[in-house]
Amino acid sequence: MGNFVAMPKLGMTMTEGKIIRWLAQEGAQVEKGDYIFETETDKTSLEVDSLYSGTLLKIYYGEGSTVPVNEPVAFIGAEGEEIPERPAPQEPAKQAEKAKEIPVVTETPKPKPANKTGKTERPAGNFDFDLIVVGAGPGGYVAAIRAAQLGAKVAVVEKDSVGGTCLNRGCIPTKAYYASAKRYEDMKRAEEFGLKGDHIGFSWQAIRARKNEIVSKLVAGVAGLLKKNSITLLKGNASVKHPNEVLVDEKAYTCAYILLATGAKPASVLKTQVKPMNTNDVLDLEALPESMVIIGGGVIGCEMAGIMNSFGVEVTIVELLPQILPMTDEEVAAELHRKMEAKGVRILTGTTCEDITQENKDYIVRLSNGETIRCNAVLEAVGRKPETGAVEGLKLERNRKGYVVVDDMMRTSADYIYAIGDINGKFQLAHAASVQGILAAEHMFADRQDTEDQAIPSCIFTDLEIAYIGLTEAQAREKGLPVRTFKFPYSANGKALTLGETEGFVKVITDERWGEILGVHIIGAEASSLIEEAVMAMRCEATAQAAGSTIHAHPTLSETLMEAFLGASSGAIHF
């Protein structure tokens, strides 16, 4: 029995393809994997290989035809087999549903405020500013700069230091600590490289001072960027009660548009007698404790566990769910779990904290498994919640978790008010906030109407770096996709061996029908830098075969990606 050859979905945004030329003609014998026609999408042109072996009995669409995704273009079968008629095209609604892109999995749903279509007309009247941005984090200050570049008169309100959570209490401080911890671990391994050193040690005070110096330098840099772009910085607490007015410590400023970029703050779910420190507090410890219990095995919990462990702190992670880093691919989480336990971090999954009490300087942590742990410090790292204090006077539409609902252009349910970054709950990532900020600014001042739902990469700086983009294997299988996966280990890469970084792997997940890259997951050295190749490959809608056959320099860690892409398509060479 023969098989229809369909127009493949070669990328997340592809809905149709144009047949440029046929590489095989009717009556030709083809083998599985042979290229049979070349197609052009809105972004690229690719040769499409056959999923079947047999005779090319019928070509339904000629060269130059534009064909919807999943529509049969040819029929392959046995010589002499009856050739079926091409199936009738699907109803547009069904076709659109079938061809729709694979959505990026987010923590919250994506509702749209009512009555928000097309361009937002600028309100009539004279205002102090065209735009007031509330919050100078990586979403807010980037949006302010883009708006200023487009000719807007812009002000930014910030109650703290510019740079937001990322720069002052998140990404940058933790990465500064991570870098010190990594250098210290490398020093302890010096003899592996034929090196000797005496009296290897560290100063927590010096490490903390370095972190503060880096933060101060970057804060000054952001302030300089605002000044360079003639953006007014208003220091104080903002309050928004009307769509075109912002109060800053009770002084009123009028504006055509308001952009909310207030970020998020540490969440707390524990109802214990003694409250633990939060993820802000832990970044300014004056001295390291001898032991620490971390409630929460997410990104911040695992990052801090690795840092504390490197500097000799006895660490226990308590995680409610069956695995740490529940948003990552299961195999990646399992590899990190193994690594952390090998280094001495104790990990208790499927466990909750029932109570915390204090005896002198010690904390007593009682767990749901019946165990009691005595330690010197307790950190609650269970995520973040939106910082909405500045807009409590507004009746903005919220979702069930309290995040401000926005449409595709970042508009809220209130006229002339936009919301980006952590406050809208789409992605709690600095780079996502920046992209949203640019989108909102261009919608206000450049009449931008198009959006591109790019997959967004994530990076985690743990004992083994983690970076990923797209779907996990479990997510792909839940969608019913025919999945093909391949893992290439760092231990098979020459550069990794020279660096002494042989732990970890690159995992590629594809749609086995046409090689579409569904997800890439890296755990190992320099994962945060390597992931950008996968980001670009997915955005350009390259197949795994195309990405893997691209020439990579040798010897480099990037060859792990090359081999993983090849392994998920035509076959890896070195494993």
Protein backbone atom coordinates (compact mmCIF):
# COMPACT_ATOMS: atom_id res chain seq x y z
CA MET A 1 0.00 0.00 0.00
CA GLY A 2 1.38 3.39 -1.02
CA ASN A 3 1.77 6.63 0.88
CA PHE A 4 0.95 10.26 0.26
CA VAL A 5 3.86 12.72 0.40
CA ALA A 6 2.73 15.88 2.20
CA MET A 7 4.02 19.44 2.24
CA PRO A 8 6.09 19.31 5.45
CA LYS A 9 5.89 21.81 8.28
CA LEU A 10 9.50 22.97 8.30
CA GLY A 11 9.17 25.55 11.04
CA MET A 12 6.97 26.74 13.85
CA THR A 13 5.43 29.59 11.82
CA MET A 14 5.16 27.85 8.44
CA THR A 15 1.61 27.41 7.09
CA GLU A 16 2.34 26.84 3.37
CA GLY A 17 5.21 26.21 1.01
CA LYS A 18 5.94 26.88 -2.65
CA ILE A 19 7.26 24.02 -4.77
CA ILE A 20 10.29 25.43 -6.57
CA ARG A 21 11.24 22.30 -8.48
CA TRP A 22 10.82 18.55 -8.47
CA LEU A 23 14.07 16.62 -7.98
CA ALA A 24 12.42 13.33 -8.97
CA GLN A 25 9.91 12.76 -11.73
CA GLU A 26 6.88 10.50 -12.03
CA GLY A 27 7.96 6.88 -12.50
CA ALA A 28 11.29 7.37 -10.70
CA GLN A 29 12.40 4.93 -8.00
CA VAL A 30 13.10 6.74 -4.72
CA GLU A 31 14.57 5.54 -1.46
CA LYS A 32 13.69 6.78 1.98
CA GLY A 33 15.87 9.84 2.59
CA ASP A 34 16.19 10.80 -1.10
CA TYR A 35 15.47 14.45 -1.85
CA ILE A 36 12.36 14.60 -4.05
CA PHE A 37 11.41 18.28 -4.27
CA GLU A 38 12.59 21.73 -3.21
CA THR A 39 10.22 24.04 -1.36
CA GLU A 40 10.34 27.70 -0.43
CA THR A 41 8.83 29.08 2.79
CA ASP A 42 8.50 32.66 3.99
CA LYS A 43 12.02 32.42 5.41
CA THR A 44 14.11 29.92 3.48
CA SER A 45 14.22 27.26 0.78
CA LEU A 46 14.93 23.61 1.58
CA GLU A 47 15.13 20.27 -0.17
CA VAL A 48 12.53 17.83 1.16
CA ASP A 49 13.44 14.18 1.55
CA SER A 50 11.13 11.21 1.12
CA LEU A 51 9.86 9.36 4.16
CA TYR A 52 9.15 6.27 2.04
CA SER A 53 10.79 3.99 -0.51
CA GLY A 54 9.02 3.05 -3.77
CA THR A 55 7.99 4.47 -7.11
CA LEU A 56 6.96 8.11 -7.44
CA LEU A 57 3.62 7.29 -9.05
CA LYS A 58 1.92 10.71 -9.07
CA ILE A 59 2.80 14.38 -8.65
CA TYR A 60 -0.31 16.33 -7.68
CA TYR A 61 1.20 19.85 -7.73
CA GLY A 62 3.57 21.22 -10.31
CA GLU A 63 6.49 23.54 -9.93
CA GLY A 64 5.47 27.03 -8.81
CA SER A 65 2.45 25.76 -6.85
CA THR A 66 1.84 27.06 -3.32
CA VAL A 67 0.58 24.26 -1.09
CA PRO A 68 -0.73 24.34 2.51
CA VAL A 69 1.22 22.43 5.15
CA ASN A 70 0.21 18.74 5.40
CA GLU A 71 -1.51 18.82 1.97
CA PRO A 72 -0.50 15.79 -0.20
CA VAL A 73 1.78 16.81 -3.08
CA ALA A 74 2.66 13.36 -4.42
CA PHE A 75 2.03 9.63 -4.05
CA ILE A 76 4.68 6.92 -3.62
CA GLY A 77 3.84 3.23 -3.94
CA ALA A 78 4.60 -0.01 -5.74
CA GLU A 79 4.85 -0.06 -9.52
CA GLY A 80 1.44 -0.86 -11.01
CA GLU A 81 -0.42 0.10 -7.84
CA GLU A 82 -3.66 2.01 -8.30
CA ILE A 83 -3.07 5.74 -7.95
CA PRO A 84 -5.60 7.45 -5.70
CA GLU A 85 -7.08 10.85 -6.34
CA ARG A 86 -5.62 13.65 -4.27
CA PRO A 87 -7.75 14.07 -1.11
CA ALA A 88 -10.01 17.11 -1.15
CA PRO A 89 -8.45 20.12 0.62
CA GLN A 90 -9.43 20.46 4.23
CA GLU A 91 -11.78 23.18 5.39
CA PRO A 92 -9.77 26.32 6.10
CA ALA A 93 -10.49 26.23 9.82
CA LYS A 94 -9.38 22.60 10.10
CA GLN A 95 -6.33 23.20 7.95
CA ALA A 96 -5.29 26.18 10.05
CA GLU A 97 -5.72 24.16 13.19
CA LYS A 98 -3.62 21.30 11.81
CA ALA A 99 -0.90 23.59 10.52
CA LYS A 100 -0.70 25.83 13.53
CA GLU A 101 2.68 26.33 15.11
CA ILE A 102 3.85 24.35 18.08
CA PRO A 103 3.22 26.75 20.95
CA VAL A 104 5.95 27.64 23.41
CA VAL A 105 4.93 26.24 26.77
CA THR A 106 4.47 29.04 29.27
CA GLU A 107 3.66 29.05 32.92
CA THR A 108 0.45 31.02 32.42
CA PRO A 109 -2.26 31.08 29.74
CA LYS A 110 -2.33 33.79 27.11
CA PRO A 111 -5.67 35.56 27.37
CA LYS A 112 -6.27 38.82 25.54
CA PRO A 113 -8.05 41.83 26.97
CA ALA A 114 -11.33 42.57 25.25
CA ASN A 115 -11.72 45.26 22.55
CA LYS A 116 -8.03 45.47 21.72
CA THR A 117 -7.54 45.39 17.97
CA GLY A 118 -5.35 47.33 15.56
CA LYS A 119 -3.57 50.54 16.33
CA THR A 120 -3.93 52.40 19.63
CA GLU A 121 -4.63 56.02 18.72
CA ARG A 122 -2.68 58.57 20.72
CA PRO A 123 -4.97 60.40 23.16
CA ALA A 124 -5.67 64.05 22.48
CA GLY A 125 -4.12 66.73 24.66
CA ASN A 126 -0.80 68.10 25.86
CA PHE A 127 1.21 65.96 28.24
CA ASP A 128 4.40 66.26 30.24
CA PHE A 129 5.72 63.14 28.49
CA ASP A 130 4.78 60.94 25.58
CA LEU A 131 5.59 57.87 27.68
CA ILE A 132 6.21 57.18 31.35
CA VAL A 133 7.76 53.84 32.14
CA VAL A 134 7.24 52.54 35.67
CA GLY A 135 10.27 50.45 36.53
CA ALA A 136 13.84 50.66 35.20
CA GLY A 137 14.61 46.96 34.87
CA PRO A 138 15.73 45.18 31.68
CA GLY A 139 12.23 45.55 30.25
CA GLY A 140 11.58 49.11 31.33
CA TYR A 141 14.83 50.83 30.48
CA VAL A 142 15.12 49.03 27.12
CA ALA A 143 11.56 50.10 26.21
CA ALA A 144 12.35 53.65 27.27
CA ILE A 145 15.45 53.75 25.06
CA ARG A 146 13.59 52.34 22.06
CA ALA A 147 10.77 54.85 22.49
CA ALA A 148 13.30 57.70 22.73
CA GLN A 149 14.99 56.45 19.56
CA LEU A 150 11.61 56.74 17.85
CA GLY A 151 11.35 60.40 18.88
CA ALA A 152 9.25 60.12 22.04
CA LYS A 153 9.75 62.24 25.14
CA VAL A 154 10.21 59.63 27.85
CA ALA A 155 10.46 59.43 31.63
CA VAL A 156 11.29 56.40 33.77
CA VAL A 157 10.18 56.07 37.38
CA GLU A 158 12.36 53.95 39.68
CA LYS A 159 12.16 53.66 43.46
CA ASP A 160 15.43 51.73 43.76
CA SER A 161 18.58 51.43 41.64
CA VAL A 162 18.11 51.28 37.89
CA GLY A 163 18.59 47.84 36.39
CA GLY A 164 15.77 46.13 38.24
CA THR A 165 15.77 42.73 39.89
CA CYS A 166 18.01 41.19 37.23
CA LEU A 167 20.88 43.57 37.77
CA ASN A 168 20.54 44.25 41.49
CA ARG A 169 19.02 41.13 43.05
CA GLY A 170 19.00 38.39 40.43
CA CYS A 171 20.87 37.50 37.25
CA ILE A 172 24.02 39.54 37.75
CA PRO A 173 24.71 39.01 41.49
CA THR A 174 24.14 35.26 41.23
CA LYS A 175 26.36 35.01 38.16
CA ALA A 176 29.10 36.94 39.93
CA TYR A 177 28.93 34.44 42.80
CA TYR A 178 28.76 31.58 40.29
CA ALA A 179 31.91 32.80 38.53
CA SER A 180 33.82 32.93 41.82
CA ALA A 181 32.60 29.45 42.75
CA LYS A 182 33.61 28.09 39.33
CA ARG A 183 37.10 29.57 39.59
CA TYR A 184 37.47 28.10 43.06
CA GLU A 185 36.42 24.66 41.86
CA ASP A 186 38.92 24.94 38.99
CA MET A 187 41.69 25.82 41.45
CA LYS A 188 40.93 22.71 43.48
CA ARG A 189 41.33 20.64 40.29
CA ALA A 190 44.66 22.21 39.30
CA GLU A 191 46.66 19.01 39.69
CA GLU A 192 44.55 17.36 36.95
CA PHE A 193 46.18 19.86 34.56
CA GLY A 194 49.71 19.39 35.91
CA LEU A 195 49.56 22.51 38.02
CA LYS A 196 50.39 22.99 41.70
CA GLY A 197 49.25 25.62 44.14
CA ASP A 198 49.52 26.01 47.89
CA HIS A 199 47.06 27.46 50.37
CA ILE A 200 44.11 27.53 48.00
CA GLY A 201 41.24 29.33 49.70
CA PHE A 202 38.72 32.14 49.40
CA SER A 203 37.45 35.27 51.12
CA TRP A 204 33.66 35.58 51.20
CA GLN A 205 34.00 39.28 51.95
CA ALA A 206 36.12 39.77 48.82
CA ILE A 207 33.72 37.69 46.73
CA ARG A 208 30.79 39.76 47.99
CA ALA A 209 32.69 43.00 47.34
CA ARG A 210 33.41 41.91 43.77
CA LYS A 211 29.73 41.19 43.25
CA ASN A 212 28.79 44.65 44.54
CA GLU A 213 31.40 46.31 42.35
CA ILE A 214 30.04 44.59 39.22
CA VAL A 215 26.48 45.57 40.12
CA SER A 216 27.50 49.20 40.74
CA LYS A 217 29.33 49.39 37.42
CA LEU A 218 26.32 48.08 35.50
CA VAL A 219 23.89 50.34 37.38
CA ALA A 220 26.02 53.31 36.37
CA GLY A 221 26.01 52.00 32.79
CA VAL A 222 22.21 51.86 32.64
CA ALA A 223 21.94 55.35 34.14
CA GLY A 224 24.37 56.53 31.48
CA LEU A 225 22.27 55.00 28.71
CA LEU A 226 19.16 56.78 29.98
CA LYS A 227 21.01 60.09 30.06
CA LYS A 228 22.51 59.52 26.61
CA ASN A 229 19.01 59.05 25.20
CA SER A 230 17.63 62.16 26.96
CA ILE A 231 15.33 60.10 29.18
CA THR A 232 14.19 61.72 32.42
CA LEU A 233 14.78 59.56 35.50
CA LEU A 234 12.21 60.19 38.22
CA LYS A 235 13.30 58.71 41.57
CA GLY A 236 10.52 57.71 43.91
CA ASN A 237 7.46 55.50 44.38
CA ALA A 238 5.03 55.45 41.48
CA SER A 239 1.27 55.22 41.76
CA VAL A 240 -1.03 54.89 38.76
CA LYS A 241 -4.70 55.62 39.27
CA HIS A 242 -5.61 57.03 35.87
CA PRO A 243 -4.56 56.01 32.34
CA ASN A 244 -2.67 59.23 31.54
CA GLU A 245 -1.20 60.22 34.89
CA VAL A 246 1.54 58.86 37.16
CA LEU A 247 2.09 60.06 40.72
CA VAL A 248 5.71 59.97 41.88
CA ASP A 249 5.79 60.50 45.64
CA GLU A 250 2.48 62.37 45.20
CA LYS A 251 3.76 64.66 42.43
CA ALA A 252 1.65 64.23 39.29
CA TYR A 253 3.08 63.78 35.79
CA THR A 254 0.87 63.45 32.72
CA CYS A 255 1.61 61.27 29.71
CA ALA A 256 0.06 59.86 26.55
CA TYR A 257 1.04 56.29 27.41
CA ILE A 258 2.10 54.34 30.50
CA LEU A 259 4.28 51.24 30.41
CA LEU A 260 4.24 49.05 33.50
CA ALA A 261 7.55 47.26 34.01
CA THR A 262 7.46 46.78 37.77
CA GLY A 263 8.75 43.21 37.75
CA ALA A 264 8.19 40.65 40.48
CA LYS A 265 9.19 39.96 44.07
CA PRO A 266 10.01 36.78 45.99
CA ALA A 267 6.97 34.62 46.68
CA SER A 268 6.36 32.96 50.04
CA VAL A 269 4.16 29.93 50.64
CA LEU A 270 5.45 28.78 54.01
CA LYS A 271 3.20 29.21 57.06
CA THR A 272 5.92 28.48 59.60
CA GLN A 273 6.62 29.85 63.06
CA VAL A 274 9.91 31.35 61.88
CA LYS A 275 10.14 32.98 58.44
CA PRO A 276 13.19 32.00 56.39
CA MET A 277 15.24 34.41 54.33
CA ASN A 278 14.17 35.01 50.76
CA THR A 279 16.08 35.11 47.49
CA ASN A 280 16.87 38.81 47.95
CA ASP A 281 18.30 38.30 51.43
CA VAL A 282 20.63 35.45 50.48
CA LEU A 283 22.56 37.61 48.02
CA ASP A 284 23.80 39.88 50.81
CA LEU A 285 24.88 37.39 53.45
CA GLU A 286 27.68 38.93 55.48
CA ALA A 287 29.06 35.51 56.33
CA LEU A 288 28.49 31.99 55.06
CA PRO A 289 26.58 29.57 57.29
CA GLU A 290 27.92 26.10 58.01
CA SER A 291 24.70 24.52 56.77
CA MET A 292 21.64 25.61 54.81
CA VAL A 293 18.25 24.14 53.91
CA ILE A 294 16.82 25.45 50.64
CA ILE A 295 13.05 25.15 50.24
CA GLY A 296 12.47 24.90 46.49
CA GLY A 297 14.43 23.09 43.82
CA GLY A 298 13.78 25.50 40.99
CA VAL A 299 16.27 27.73 39.19
CA ILE A 300 17.24 30.00 42.09
CA GLY A 301 17.26 27.16 44.61
CA CYS A 302 19.56 24.98 42.50
CA GLU A 303 21.85 27.87 41.55
CA MET A 304 22.31 28.94 45.16
CA ALA A 305 22.76 25.32 46.26
CA GLY A 306 25.66 24.94 43.84
CA ILE A 307 27.29 28.21 44.91
CA MET A 308 26.96 27.48 48.64
CA ASN A 309 28.19 23.91 48.20
CA SER A 310 31.30 25.08 46.33
CA PHE A 311 32.25 27.24 49.29
CA GLY A 312 31.84 24.44 51.81
CA VAL A 313 28.29 24.98 53.04
CA GLU A 314 26.37 21.78 53.81
CA VAL A 315 23.25 22.08 51.63
CA THR A 316 19.91 20.26 51.58
CA ILE A 317 17.31 20.98 48.88
CA VAL A 318 13.65 20.28 49.69
CA GLU A 319 11.47 20.11 46.59
CA LEU A 320 7.73 19.46 46.47
CA LEU A 321 7.70 17.94 42.96
CA PRO A 322 9.21 14.61 41.85
CA GLN A 323 12.21 16.30 40.19
CA ILE A 324 14.31 19.40 40.65
CA LEU A 325 14.05 22.00 37.87
CA PRO A 326 10.61 20.71 36.85
CA MET A 327 10.51 22.95 33.78
CA THR A 328 13.54 21.24 32.21
CA ASP A 329 13.79 18.01 30.24
CA GLU A 330 13.68 14.99 32.57
CA GLU A 331 17.07 13.67 31.44
CA VAL A 332 18.68 17.05 32.00
CA ALA A 333 17.21 17.33 35.52
CA ALA A 334 18.35 13.79 36.31
CA GLU A 335 21.90 14.56 35.17
CA LEU A 336 22.08 17.66 37.38
CA HIS A 337 20.58 15.71 40.30
CA ARG A 338 23.35 13.12 39.93
CA LYS A 339 26.06 15.77 39.73
CA MET A 340 24.85 17.73 42.74
CA GLU A 341 24.53 14.65 44.92
CA ALA A 342 28.01 13.56 43.87
CA LYS A 343 29.29 16.90 45.15
CA GLY A 344 27.55 16.44 48.47
CA VAL A 345 24.27 18.32 48.04
CA ARG A 346 21.40 16.39 49.60
CA ILE A 347 18.20 16.49 47.52
CA LEU A 348 14.79 15.53 48.88
CA THR A 349 12.09 15.49 46.18
CA GLY A 350 8.40 14.90 46.80
CA THR A 351 8.88 16.57 50.17
CA THR A 352 7.51 19.73 51.81
CA CYS A 353 8.51 21.91 54.73
CA GLU A 354 5.97 21.61 57.54
CA ASP A 355 7.46 24.03 60.06
CA ILE A 356 10.55 26.04 60.99
CA THR A 357 11.47 26.88 64.57
CA GLN A 358 14.58 28.39 66.10
CA GLU A 359 16.81 27.30 68.97
CA ASN A 360 19.47 29.89 69.78
CA LYS A 361 21.24 30.44 66.44
CA ASP A 362 20.05 27.19 64.88
CA TYR A 363 16.95 26.57 62.80
CA ILE A 364 14.93 23.38 63.14
CA VAL A 365 13.23 22.40 59.87
CA ARG A 366 10.47 19.78 60.10
CA LEU A 367 9.67 17.99 56.85
CA SER A 368 6.66 16.07 55.53
CA ASN A 369 8.68 12.83 55.42
CA GLY A 370 8.98 12.95 59.21
CA GLU A 371 12.58 14.11 59.19
CA THR A 372 13.90 17.05 61.20
CA ILE A 373 16.99 18.96 60.04
CA ARG A 374 19.02 21.33 62.22
CA CYS A 375 20.84 24.02 60.22
CA ASN A 376 22.28 27.53 60.42
CA ALA A 377 20.22 29.09 57.61
CA VAL A 378 16.99 28.48 55.70
CA LEU A 379 16.27 29.90 52.25
CA GLU A 380 12.81 29.94 50.70
CA ALA A 381 13.16 29.85 46.91
CA VAL A 382 9.70 28.97 45.62
CA GLY A 383 9.41 31.44 42.76
CA ARG A 384 8.23 35.01 42.37
CA LYS A 385 4.95 36.92 42.21
CA PRO A 386 4.06 40.11 40.33
CA GLU A 387 4.91 43.46 41.86
CA THR A 388 1.64 45.34 41.40
CA GLY A 389 1.72 47.86 44.23
CA ALA A 390 1.96 50.80 41.83
CA VAL A 391 -1.30 49.90 40.07
CA GLU A 392 -3.56 48.74 42.86
CA GLY A 393 -5.75 51.79 42.18
CA LEU A 394 -6.44 50.59 38.64
CA LYS A 395 -8.94 47.89 37.76
CA LEU A 396 -6.67 46.01 35.37
CA GLU A 397 -7.69 42.56 34.20
CA ARG A 398 -5.66 39.88 36.01
CA ASN A 399 -5.35 36.14 35.61
CA ARG A 400 -5.85 33.67 38.45
CA LYS A 401 -2.24 34.06 39.59
CA GLY A 402 -2.49 37.83 39.79
CA TYR A 403 -0.53 38.67 36.65
CA VAL A 404 -1.73 41.56 34.50
CA VAL A 405 -3.36 40.26 31.31
CA VAL A 406 -2.04 41.71 28.06
CA ASP A 407 -2.65 41.19 24.36
CA ASP A 408 -0.06 40.43 21.69
CA MET A 409 1.09 44.07 21.68
CA MET A 410 1.43 44.15 25.49
CA ARG A 411 -1.69 46.32 25.94
CA THR A 412 -3.61 45.87 29.17
CA SER A 413 -7.38 46.12 29.61
CA ALA A 414 -6.96 49.86 30.37
CA ASP A 415 -6.58 52.27 27.48
CA TYR A 416 -3.06 53.62 26.86
CA ILE A 417 -1.49 51.33 29.48
CA TYR A 418 0.90 48.55 28.55
CA ALA A 419 2.59 45.92 30.77
CA ILE A 420 5.78 43.97 30.07
CA GLY A 421 8.09 41.54 31.81
CA ASP A 422 7.41 39.72 35.05
CA ILE A 423 4.23 41.65 35.81
CA ASN A 424 2.42 39.99 32.88
CA GLY A 425 3.69 36.51 33.76
CA LYS A 426 4.41 35.35 30.21
CA PHE A 427 8.08 34.65 30.85
CA GLN A 428 10.09 35.54 33.94
CA LEU A 429 13.22 36.18 31.94
CA ALA A 430 15.12 39.44 31.51
CA HIS A 431 15.66 38.97 27.77
CA ALA A 432 11.96 38.28 27.26
CA ALA A 433 11.10 41.50 29.08
CA SER A 434 13.46 43.45 26.82
CA VAL A 435 11.86 42.04 23.67
CA GLN A 436 8.38 42.82 25.00
CA GLY A 437 9.51 46.35 25.83
CA ILE A 438 10.75 46.96 22.30
CA LEU A 439 7.51 45.55 20.88
CA ALA A 440 5.38 47.83 23.07
CA ALA A 441 7.44 50.93 22.24
CA GLU A 442 7.28 50.23 18.51
CA HIS A 443 3.52 49.67 18.72
CA MET A 444 3.06 53.04 20.44
CA PHE A 445 5.41 55.13 18.31
CA ALA A 446 6.06 53.23 15.06
CA ASP A 447 2.62 51.69 14.46
CA ARG A 448 4.05 48.19 14.63
CA GLN A 449 1.32 45.59 14.17
CA ASP A 450 3.23 42.37 13.58
CA THR A 451 4.48 39.95 16.21
CA GLU A 452 6.75 36.96 15.94
CA ASP A 453 6.28 34.22 18.50
CA GLN A 454 9.88 33.15 18.75
CA ALA A 455 10.82 30.36 21.10
CA ILE A 456 12.70 31.87 24.03
CA PRO A 457 15.89 30.29 25.38
CA SER A 458 16.53 29.78 29.09
CA CYS A 459 19.85 29.38 30.91
CA ILE A 460 20.53 27.99 34.39
CA PHE A 461 23.92 28.43 36.06
CA THR A 462 24.25 25.32 38.19
CA ASP A 463 27.19 22.95 38.81
CA LEU A 464 26.68 21.85 35.23
CA GLU A 465 25.38 24.76 33.14
CA ILE A 466 21.98 24.19 31.57
CA ALA A 467 20.44 25.88 28.55
CA TYR A 468 17.42 24.95 26.50
CA ILE A 469 14.93 26.12 23.92
CA GLY A 470 11.67 24.70 22.63
CA LEU A 471 9.86 21.59 23.76
CA THR A 472 11.06 18.94 26.16
CA GLU A 473 10.74 15.33 25.02
CA ALA A 474 7.75 14.84 27.33
CA GLN A 475 5.99 17.93 25.98
CA ALA A 476 6.54 16.85 22.38
CA ARG A 477 5.15 13.38 23.06
CA GLU A 478 2.15 14.83 24.92
CA LYS A 479 1.31 16.72 21.72
CA GLY A 480 1.22 13.43 19.85
CA LEU A 481 4.17 14.34 17.64
CA PRO A 482 6.32 11.58 16.11
CA VAL A 483 9.48 12.30 18.05
CA ARG A 484 13.09 11.44 17.30
CA THR A 485 15.75 12.27 19.89
CA PHE A 486 19.51 12.02 20.11
CA LYS A 487 21.99 12.75 22.89
CA PHE A 488 25.64 13.49 22.22
CA PRO A 489 27.87 13.32 25.31
CA TYR A 490 30.55 15.88 26.14
CA SER A 491 32.87 12.94 26.84
CA ALA A 492 33.02 12.25 23.08
CA ASN A 493 34.15 15.79 22.23
CA GLY A 494 37.86 16.58 21.91
CA LYS A 495 37.65 20.15 23.18
CA ALA A 496 35.67 19.06 26.24
CA LEU A 497 38.41 16.55 27.05
CA THR A 498 41.12 19.23 26.83
CA LEU A 499 39.08 21.46 29.16
CA GLY A 500 38.46 18.67 31.63
CA GLU A 501 34.72 19.23 31.12
CA THR A 502 33.47 15.79 30.11
CA GLU A 503 30.20 15.70 32.06
CA GLY A 504 26.94 16.49 30.33
CA PHE A 505 25.34 16.15 26.91
CA VAL A 506 23.45 17.88 24.12
CA LYS A 507 19.96 16.52 23.44
CA VAL A 508 18.09 17.32 20.23
CA ILE A 509 14.39 16.60 19.77
CA THR A 510 12.94 16.55 16.26
CA ASP A 511 9.76 15.71 14.40
CA GLU A 512 10.90 12.51 12.68
CA ARG A 513 8.66 13.15 9.67
CA TRP A 514 10.67 16.06 8.28
CA GLY A 515 13.43 16.83 10.72
CA GLU A 516 11.93 19.96 12.27
CA ILE A 517 13.86 20.89 15.40
CA LEU A 518 11.36 20.88 18.27
CA GLY A 519 13.76 21.42 21.16
CA VAL A 520 17.42 21.52 22.12
CA HIS A 521 18.62 20.87 25.67
CA ILE A 522 22.23 21.27 26.80
CA ILE A 523 23.79 20.41 30.14
CA GLY A 524 27.52 20.96 30.43
CA ALA A 525 30.28 23.51 30.06
CA GLU A 526 29.37 26.76 28.28
CA ALA A 527 25.79 25.64 27.68
CA SER A 528 24.59 29.23 28.00
CA SER A 529 26.76 30.27 25.04
CA LEU A 530 26.21 27.16 22.92
CA ILE A 531 22.40 27.47 23.01
CA GLU A 532 22.44 30.47 20.67
CA GLU A 533 23.27 28.22 17.72
CA ALA A 534 20.10 26.27 18.42
CA VAL A 535 18.13 29.50 18.82
CA MET A 536 19.25 30.71 15.41
CA ALA A 537 18.68 27.33 13.77
CA MET A 538 15.11 27.18 15.05
CA ARG A 539 14.33 30.77 14.12
CA CYS A 540 15.65 30.21 10.59
CA GLU A 541 13.60 27.00 10.43
CA ALA A 542 16.63 24.85 9.67
CA THR A 543 16.10 21.12 9.85
CA ALA A 544 18.33 19.00 12.09
CA GLN A 545 20.08 17.76 8.95
CA ALA A 546 20.76 21.30 7.73
CA ALA A 547 22.03 22.44 11.14
CA GLY A 548 24.22 19.36 11.53
CA SER A 549 25.71 19.55 8.04
CA THR A 550 26.77 23.17 8.60
CA ILE A 551 30.57 23.29 8.94
CA HIS A 552 31.73 23.70 12.56
CA ALA A 553 35.27 24.64 13.53
CA HIS A 554 37.44 22.00 15.21
CA PRO A 555 38.21 21.56 18.04
CA THR A 556 35.26 23.36 19.63
CA LEU A 557 32.44 22.59 22.03
CA SER A 558 30.05 23.62 19.25
CA GLU A 559 30.80 20.29 17.60
CA THR A 560 28.63 18.68 20.29
CA LEU A 561 25.66 20.47 18.73
CA MET A 562 26.73 19.47 15.23
CA GLU A 563 26.91 15.81 16.24
CA ALA A 564 23.59 15.95 18.11
CA PHE A 565 21.83 17.47 15.09
CA LEU A 566 23.36 14.82 12.83
CA GLY A 567 22.43 12.10 15.30
CA ALA A 568 18.81 13.22 15.16
CA SER A 569 18.85 13.12 11.34
CA SER A 570 21.37 11.28 9.15
CA GLY A 571 23.57 9.89 11.93
CA ALA A 572 26.32 11.19 14.22
CA ILE A 573 29.90 10.62 13.10
CA HIS A 574 31.74 10.47 16.42
CA PHE A 575 29.30 8.55 18.62
